[in-house]
């Protein structure tokens, strides 16, 4: 217990900037805080703080030790809370980031629900289409959609993300529908502009035939072998009179009947169920990529982060959630 009290005192002095402020917060004399720090440094055999009459500064070793101490004390508090009367009690501040469109639809509505279950947790939600530096910007968790690049971050797959070509029934009545991905060049397609993040184009799985390979070279360049040896994955860049860097705008244009869009099921499933949009080329749909939770590691995750991950998995694992009925 003396060791724990020494760690708590060290963290309090380091974060409050002085013995007097830390002692006042705990309700003890500054001399007591000083003796605890002296005992800690003597036990470790290293100087953690440089103390003068005006200020206290951390040594290099002290800065590294402070981070470890804060994590250990958080884990200790979480361990006590998890077995306390009344069940699991998370606390602290949770910082989450997600893509703007996906976040508005499928992250933001869950935040108040999570807070209602864990009222001692405060939550900040950042919505941005740029790839946020989770570690560098001190986020606890990022929700990301699509293939995950190699990274030092840890990712947990929460759900599949499928993409479908869609158009309005009126558009199909007026212009017909493509029977093969290669026919998209004859239709008005609504595409992300070149400065958006979707760099490879629309993906389809097609039979591996001489004719298919010829079309592929014309439209996209080299194909990528799919899991089935008789098929291959191709990427198309269809043209169209309208493009935009914002996926929500493309979705709105598609609903207004301006063309064919290639959108994620989480974005269009409800409209398909309601008959507002018609799926096209489903027999050529590419294998799904994923919706992921990304974070810095699993060894010292605070309780609030673990509960948030479990909360996302529970909701995203229900098929009805993606139809707008979650």
Protein backbone atom coordinates (compact mmCIF):
# COMPACT_ATOMS: atom_id res chain seq x y z
CA UNK A 1 0.00 0.00 0.00
CA UNK A 2 2.92 2.35 0.75
CA UNK A 3 4.19 1.77 -2.78
CA UNK A 4 0.79 2.55 -4.26
CA UNK A 5 0.53 5.73 -2.20
CA UNK A 6 3.99 6.77 -3.42
CA UNK A 7 2.92 6.29 -7.05
CA UNK A 8 -0.30 8.22 -6.48
CA UNK A 9 1.62 11.06 -4.84
CA UNK A 10 4.16 11.17 -7.66
CA UNK A 11 1.41 11.38 -10.30
CA UNK A 12 -0.44 14.04 -8.32
CA UNK A 13 2.66 16.22 -7.87
CA UNK A 14 3.72 15.80 -11.52
CA UNK A 15 0.31 16.62 -12.96
CA UNK A 16 -0.51 19.44 -10.54
CA UNK A 17 2.89 21.05 -10.88
CA UNK A 18 3.89 21.24 -7.23
CA UNK A 19 3.93 19.75 -3.77
CA UNK A 20 1.59 22.33 -2.29
CA UNK A 21 -1.18 21.82 -4.85
CA UNK A 22 -0.92 18.01 -4.61
CA UNK A 23 -0.89 18.10 -0.81
CA UNK A 24 -3.92 20.40 -0.72
CA UNK A 25 -5.86 18.06 -3.04
CA UNK A 26 -5.16 15.12 -0.73
CA UNK A 27 -5.58 17.04 2.51
CA UNK A 28 -2.07 16.44 3.89
CA UNK A 29 0.96 18.61 4.61
CA UNK A 30 3.41 19.29 1.73
CA UNK A 31 6.16 17.72 3.84
CA UNK A 32 4.33 14.38 3.73
CA UNK A 33 4.18 14.50 -0.07
CA UNK A 34 7.88 15.33 -0.13
CA UNK A 35 8.77 12.34 2.05
CA UNK A 36 6.78 10.02 -0.20
CA UNK A 37 8.63 11.27 -3.26
CA UNK A 38 11.99 10.92 -1.51
CA UNK A 39 11.13 7.34 -0.56
CA UNK A 40 10.04 6.52 -4.11
CA UNK A 41 13.22 7.91 -5.68
CA UNK A 42 15.36 6.15 -3.08
CA UNK A 43 13.62 2.82 -3.76
CA UNK A 44 13.98 3.17 -7.53
CA UNK A 45 17.49 4.62 -7.38
CA UNK A 46 16.67 7.32 -9.93
CA UNK A 47 15.78 11.00 -9.87
CA UNK A 48 12.22 11.55 -11.07
CA UNK A 49 11.69 15.23 -10.28
CA UNK A 50 13.85 18.32 -10.13
CA UNK A 51 12.49 20.41 -7.26
CA UNK A 52 13.24 24.10 -6.75
CA UNK A 53 11.53 26.72 -4.61
CA UNK A 54 9.56 27.93 -7.63
CA UNK A 55 8.73 24.87 -9.70
CA UNK A 56 8.95 21.15 -10.15
CA UNK A 57 10.00 19.60 -13.47
CA UNK A 58 10.17 15.99 -14.57
CA UNK A 59 13.45 14.37 -15.50
CA UNK A 60 13.62 12.23 -18.64
CA UNK A 61 13.16 9.13 -16.49
CA UNK A 62 10.34 10.83 -14.61
CA UNK A 63 8.42 11.59 -17.80
CA UNK A 64 8.56 7.96 -18.92
CA UNK A 65 7.66 6.72 -15.43
CA UNK A 66 4.71 9.11 -15.20
CA UNK A 67 3.03 7.59 -18.25
CA UNK A 68 3.44 4.07 -16.85
CA UNK A 69 2.15 5.13 -13.43
CA UNK A 70 -0.94 6.79 -14.89
CA UNK A 71 -1.74 3.65 -16.86
CA UNK A 72 -1.21 1.38 -13.84
CA UNK A 73 -3.38 3.52 -11.58
CA UNK A 74 -6.12 3.60 -14.21
CA UNK A 75 -6.00 -0.17 -14.53
CA UNK A 76 -6.11 -0.53 -10.75
CA UNK A 77 -9.17 1.74 -10.53
CA UNK A 78 -10.86 -0.15 -13.36
CA UNK A 79 -10.16 -3.50 -11.71
CA UNK A 80 -11.77 -2.30 -8.49
CA UNK A 81 -14.73 -0.81 -10.34
CA UNK A 82 -15.33 -3.98 -12.33
CA UNK A 83 -16.01 -6.01 -9.20
CA UNK A 84 -17.62 -3.33 -7.07
CA UNK A 85 -21.23 -3.46 -5.95
CA UNK A 86 -23.48 -2.52 -8.83
CA UNK A 87 -21.33 -4.13 -11.51
CA UNK A 88 -18.91 -2.63 -13.99
CA UNK A 89 -18.39 1.10 -13.58
CA UNK A 90 -16.30 2.81 -16.21
CA UNK A 91 -15.20 6.41 -15.90
CA UNK A 92 -12.95 8.97 -17.56
CA UNK A 93 -12.97 10.56 -21.00
CA UNK A 94 -13.39 8.56 -24.22
CA UNK A 95 -12.17 10.06 -27.52
CA UNK A 96 -13.55 8.44 -30.67
CA UNK A 97 -13.07 9.31 -34.34
CA UNK A 98 -14.92 8.01 -37.41
CA UNK A 99 -15.46 8.87 -41.11
CA UNK A 100 -17.96 11.71 -41.48
CA UNK A 101 -20.73 9.95 -43.40
CA UNK A 102 -20.50 6.63 -41.59
CA UNK A 103 -20.05 8.38 -38.27
CA UNK A 104 -23.18 10.49 -38.66
CA UNK A 105 -25.30 7.44 -39.44
CA UNK A 106 -23.83 4.63 -37.36
CA UNK A 107 -21.56 6.02 -34.65
CA UNK A 108 -23.17 9.26 -33.47
CA UNK A 109 -26.55 7.65 -32.60
CA UNK A 110 -24.76 5.10 -30.39
CA UNK A 111 -22.79 7.62 -28.35
CA UNK A 112 -25.73 8.82 -26.18
CA UNK A 113 -26.81 5.21 -25.67
CA UNK A 114 -23.36 4.26 -24.43
CA UNK A 115 -23.28 7.29 -22.15
CA UNK A 116 -26.65 6.31 -20.70
CA UNK A 117 -25.20 2.92 -19.76
CA UNK A 118 -21.98 4.45 -18.39
CA UNK A 119 -22.87 7.95 -17.14
CA UNK A 120 -19.45 8.50 -15.56
CA UNK A 121 -17.80 8.34 -18.99
CA UNK A 122 -17.62 11.58 -20.98
CA UNK A 123 -17.27 11.19 -24.75
CA UNK A 124 -15.84 13.28 -27.58
CA UNK A 125 -16.73 12.21 -31.14
CA UNK A 126 -14.63 13.50 -34.03
CA UNK A 127 -16.05 13.06 -37.55
CA UNK A 128 -13.56 13.50 -40.36
CA UNK A 129 -12.85 11.92 -43.74
CA UNK A 130 -9.10 12.33 -43.30
CA UNK A 131 -7.16 9.40 -41.83
CA UNK A 132 -6.72 10.53 -38.24
CA UNK A 133 -3.46 9.73 -36.43
CA UNK A 134 -4.94 7.75 -33.54
CA UNK A 135 -1.78 7.63 -31.47
CA UNK A 136 -0.42 11.07 -32.34
CA UNK A 137 -3.75 12.82 -31.71
CA UNK A 138 -4.53 10.83 -28.55
CA UNK A 139 -7.70 9.11 -29.67
CA UNK A 140 -8.84 6.03 -27.78
CA UNK A 141 -10.55 4.43 -30.78
CA UNK A 142 -11.10 5.02 -34.49
CA UNK A 143 -13.89 3.41 -36.50
CA UNK A 144 -12.71 2.82 -40.07
CA UNK A 145 -14.33 1.41 -43.19
CA UNK A 146 -12.49 -0.50 -45.89
CA UNK A 147 -9.31 -2.53 -46.23
CA UNK A 148 -6.87 -1.99 -43.38
CA UNK A 149 -3.30 -1.10 -44.32
CA UNK A 150 -0.36 -2.58 -42.44
CA UNK A 151 -0.05 -0.63 -39.23
CA UNK A 152 1.33 -0.73 -35.71
CA UNK A 153 -2.25 -0.16 -34.54
CA UNK A 154 -4.54 -2.98 -33.44
CA UNK A 155 -7.77 -3.49 -35.40
CA UNK A 156 -10.88 -5.50 -34.61
CA UNK A 157 -13.31 -6.34 -37.40
CA UNK A 158 -16.79 -5.29 -36.31
CA UNK A 159 -18.82 -6.11 -39.42
CA UNK A 160 -18.60 -6.75 -43.15
CA UNK A 161 -18.78 -3.82 -45.54
CA UNK A 162 -20.24 -4.68 -48.95
CA UNK A 163 -20.54 -2.31 -51.86
CA UNK A 164 -23.39 -2.34 -54.36
CA UNK A 165 -24.23 -0.47 -57.52
CA UNK A 166 -27.58 1.27 -57.11
CA UNK A 167 -29.92 3.57 -59.00
CA UNK A 168 -33.50 4.73 -58.65
CA UNK A 169 -36.33 2.70 -60.24
CA UNK A 170 -37.11 5.71 -62.44
CA UNK A 171 -33.52 5.86 -63.72
CA UNK A 172 -33.68 2.15 -64.60
CA UNK A 173 -37.01 2.63 -66.40
CA UNK A 174 -35.61 5.50 -68.47
CA UNK A 175 -32.14 4.17 -69.27
CA UNK A 176 -32.19 0.42 -68.59
CA UNK A 177 -29.59 -1.36 -66.48
CA UNK A 178 -26.09 -2.69 -67.14
CA UNK A 179 -25.80 -6.47 -67.48
CA UNK A 180 -22.01 -6.56 -67.02
CA UNK A 181 -19.60 -4.13 -65.32
CA UNK A 182 -18.07 -3.32 -68.69
CA UNK A 183 -21.41 -1.77 -69.74
CA UNK A 184 -21.18 0.95 -67.07
CA UNK A 185 -19.36 3.12 -69.61
CA UNK A 186 -22.73 3.61 -71.37
CA UNK A 187 -24.45 5.02 -68.27
CA UNK A 188 -24.23 8.17 -66.20
CA UNK A 189 -22.18 7.13 -63.16
CA UNK A 190 -21.76 9.21 -60.02
CA UNK A 191 -18.14 8.98 -58.92
CA UNK A 192 -15.86 10.31 -56.24
CA UNK A 193 -13.58 13.03 -57.56
CA UNK A 194 -9.87 12.32 -57.95
CA UNK A 195 -8.93 14.09 -54.71
CA UNK A 196 -11.08 11.71 -52.63
CA UNK A 197 -9.75 8.65 -50.83
CA UNK A 198 -11.28 5.98 -53.10
CA UNK A 199 -8.25 5.63 -55.36
CA UNK A 200 -8.74 2.22 -56.97
CA UNK A 201 -12.22 2.66 -58.38
CA UNK A 202 -15.25 0.37 -58.35
CA UNK A 203 -14.45 -3.30 -57.64
CA UNK A 204 -16.18 -6.29 -59.27
CA UNK A 205 -15.57 -10.03 -59.43
CA UNK A 206 -15.91 -11.35 -62.97
CA UNK A 207 -15.31 -14.72 -64.69
CA UNK A 208 -11.70 -15.27 -65.71
CA UNK A 209 -12.11 -15.45 -69.50
CA UNK A 210 -10.09 -14.22 -72.45
CA UNK A 211 -12.84 -11.71 -73.22
CA UNK A 212 -12.94 -10.56 -69.58
CA UNK A 213 -9.19 -10.06 -69.54
CA UNK A 214 -9.40 -8.00 -72.69
CA UNK A 215 -12.08 -5.76 -71.22
CA UNK A 216 -10.10 -5.51 -68.06
CA UNK A 217 -7.00 -4.25 -69.83
CA UNK A 218 -9.07 -1.64 -71.64
CA UNK A 219 -10.88 -0.44 -68.56
CA UNK A 220 -8.64 -0.94 -65.58
CA UNK A 221 -5.26 -2.50 -66.21
CA UNK A 222 -4.19 -5.74 -64.55
CA UNK A 223 -6.72 -7.83 -62.66
CA UNK A 224 -6.27 -9.29 -59.19
CA UNK A 225 -6.89 -13.03 -58.69
CA UNK A 226 -9.92 -13.67 -56.51
CA UNK A 227 -10.29 -16.56 -54.08
CA UNK A 228 -12.06 -18.63 -56.73
CA UNK A 229 -9.58 -19.65 -59.43
CA UNK A 230 -12.29 -19.15 -62.07
CA UNK A 231 -12.83 -15.49 -61.22
CA UNK A 232 -10.77 -12.35 -60.85
CA UNK A 233 -11.20 -9.00 -59.18
CA UNK A 234 -11.22 -5.96 -61.44
CA UNK A 235 -11.37 -2.24 -60.71
CA UNK A 236 -13.23 0.15 -62.99
CA UNK A 237 -13.20 3.93 -63.18
CA UNK A 238 -16.50 4.74 -64.89
CA UNK A 239 -17.06 8.20 -66.29
CA UNK A 240 -20.02 10.41 -65.62
CA UNK A 241 -21.23 13.98 -65.90
CA UNK A 242 -21.11 14.51 -62.11
CA UNK A 243 -18.48 13.75 -59.51
CA UNK A 244 -17.92 14.92 -55.94
CA UNK A 245 -15.41 14.43 -53.12
CA UNK A 246 -18.24 13.86 -50.62
CA UNK A 247 -19.95 10.46 -50.54
CA UNK A 248 -23.13 11.84 -48.98
CA UNK A 249 -23.58 14.17 -51.94
CA UNK A 250 -23.23 11.22 -54.34
CA UNK A 251 -25.84 9.37 -52.30
CA UNK A 252 -28.23 12.32 -52.53
CA UNK A 253 -27.66 12.68 -56.28
CA UNK A 254 -28.35 8.98 -56.74
CA UNK A 255 -31.62 9.24 -54.80
CA UNK A 256 -32.55 12.19 -57.01
CA UNK A 257 -32.16 9.98 -60.10
CA UNK A 258 -29.01 11.55 -61.57
CA UNK A 259 -27.13 8.30 -62.15
CA UNK A 260 -25.68 5.02 -60.88
CA UNK A 261 -23.65 5.08 -57.66
CA UNK A 262 -21.37 2.49 -56.05
CA UNK A 263 -22.12 2.73 -52.34
CA UNK A 264 -21.67 0.73 -49.16
CA UNK A 265 -24.59 -1.33 -47.93
CA UNK A 266 -24.64 0.61 -44.64
CA UNK A 267 -25.48 3.68 -46.70
CA UNK A 268 -28.14 2.30 -49.05
CA UNK A 269 -29.65 -0.80 -47.43
CA UNK A 270 -32.60 1.08 -45.97
CA UNK A 271 -33.39 2.75 -49.30
CA UNK A 272 -33.20 -0.60 -51.11
CA UNK A 273 -35.57 -2.15 -48.56
CA UNK A 274 -37.94 0.80 -49.04
CA UNK A 275 -37.85 0.48 -52.84
CA UNK A 276 -36.22 3.89 -53.31
CA UNK A 277 -33.12 2.34 -54.87
CA UNK A 278 -32.59 -0.73 -57.05
CA UNK A 279 -29.42 -2.87 -56.74
CA UNK A 280 -27.52 -3.47 -59.97
CA UNK A 281 -24.80 -5.98 -60.93
CA UNK A 282 -25.10 -7.87 -57.64
CA UNK A 283 -23.92 -11.08 -59.32
CA UNK A 284 -20.56 -9.36 -59.91
CA UNK A 285 -20.22 -7.89 -56.41
CA UNK A 286 -16.71 -7.94 -55.00
CA UNK A 287 -15.98 -9.75 -51.73
CA UNK A 288 -16.67 -7.57 -48.69
CA UNK A 289 -14.04 -5.60 -46.90
CA UNK A 290 -14.63 -4.63 -43.29
CA UNK A 291 -15.71 -2.10 -40.70
CA UNK A 292 -13.05 -1.94 -38.01
CA UNK A 293 -12.34 -0.51 -34.60
CA UNK A 294 -8.73 0.66 -34.44
CA UNK A 295 -6.79 1.43 -31.28
CA UNK A 296 -3.22 1.56 -30.00
CA UNK A 297 -2.98 -1.76 -28.17
CA UNK A 298 -4.74 -4.40 -26.08
CA UNK A 299 -2.43 -4.73 -23.08
CA UNK A 300 -3.50 -1.64 -21.15
CA UNK A 301 -6.88 -0.71 -22.60
CA UNK A 302 -8.91 1.34 -20.10
CA UNK A 303 -12.20 -0.20 -19.08
CA UNK A 304 -14.20 2.51 -20.89
CA UNK A 305 -12.48 1.59 -24.19
CA UNK A 306 -13.07 -2.15 -23.73
CA UNK A 307 -16.74 -1.52 -22.98
CA UNK A 308 -17.05 0.78 -26.02
CA UNK A 309 -15.58 -1.92 -28.27
CA UNK A 310 -17.97 -4.52 -26.86
CA UNK A 311 -20.84 -2.07 -27.34
CA UNK A 312 -19.98 -1.52 -31.01
CA UNK A 313 -19.60 -5.25 -31.65
CA UNK A 314 -22.97 -5.98 -30.07
CA UNK A 315 -24.78 -3.43 -32.25
CA UNK A 316 -22.88 -3.94 -35.50
CA UNK A 317 -23.27 -7.71 -35.17
CA UNK A 318 -27.06 -7.45 -35.57
CA UNK A 319 -28.10 -7.65 -39.26
CA UNK A 320 -31.16 -5.46 -38.67
CA UNK A 321 -28.92 -2.62 -37.48
CA UNK A 322 -27.75 -1.95 -41.04
CA UNK A 323 -31.26 -1.73 -42.43
CA UNK A 324 -31.92 1.43 -40.44
CA UNK A 325 -33.91 -0.45 -37.81
CA UNK A 326 -31.11 -0.66 -35.23
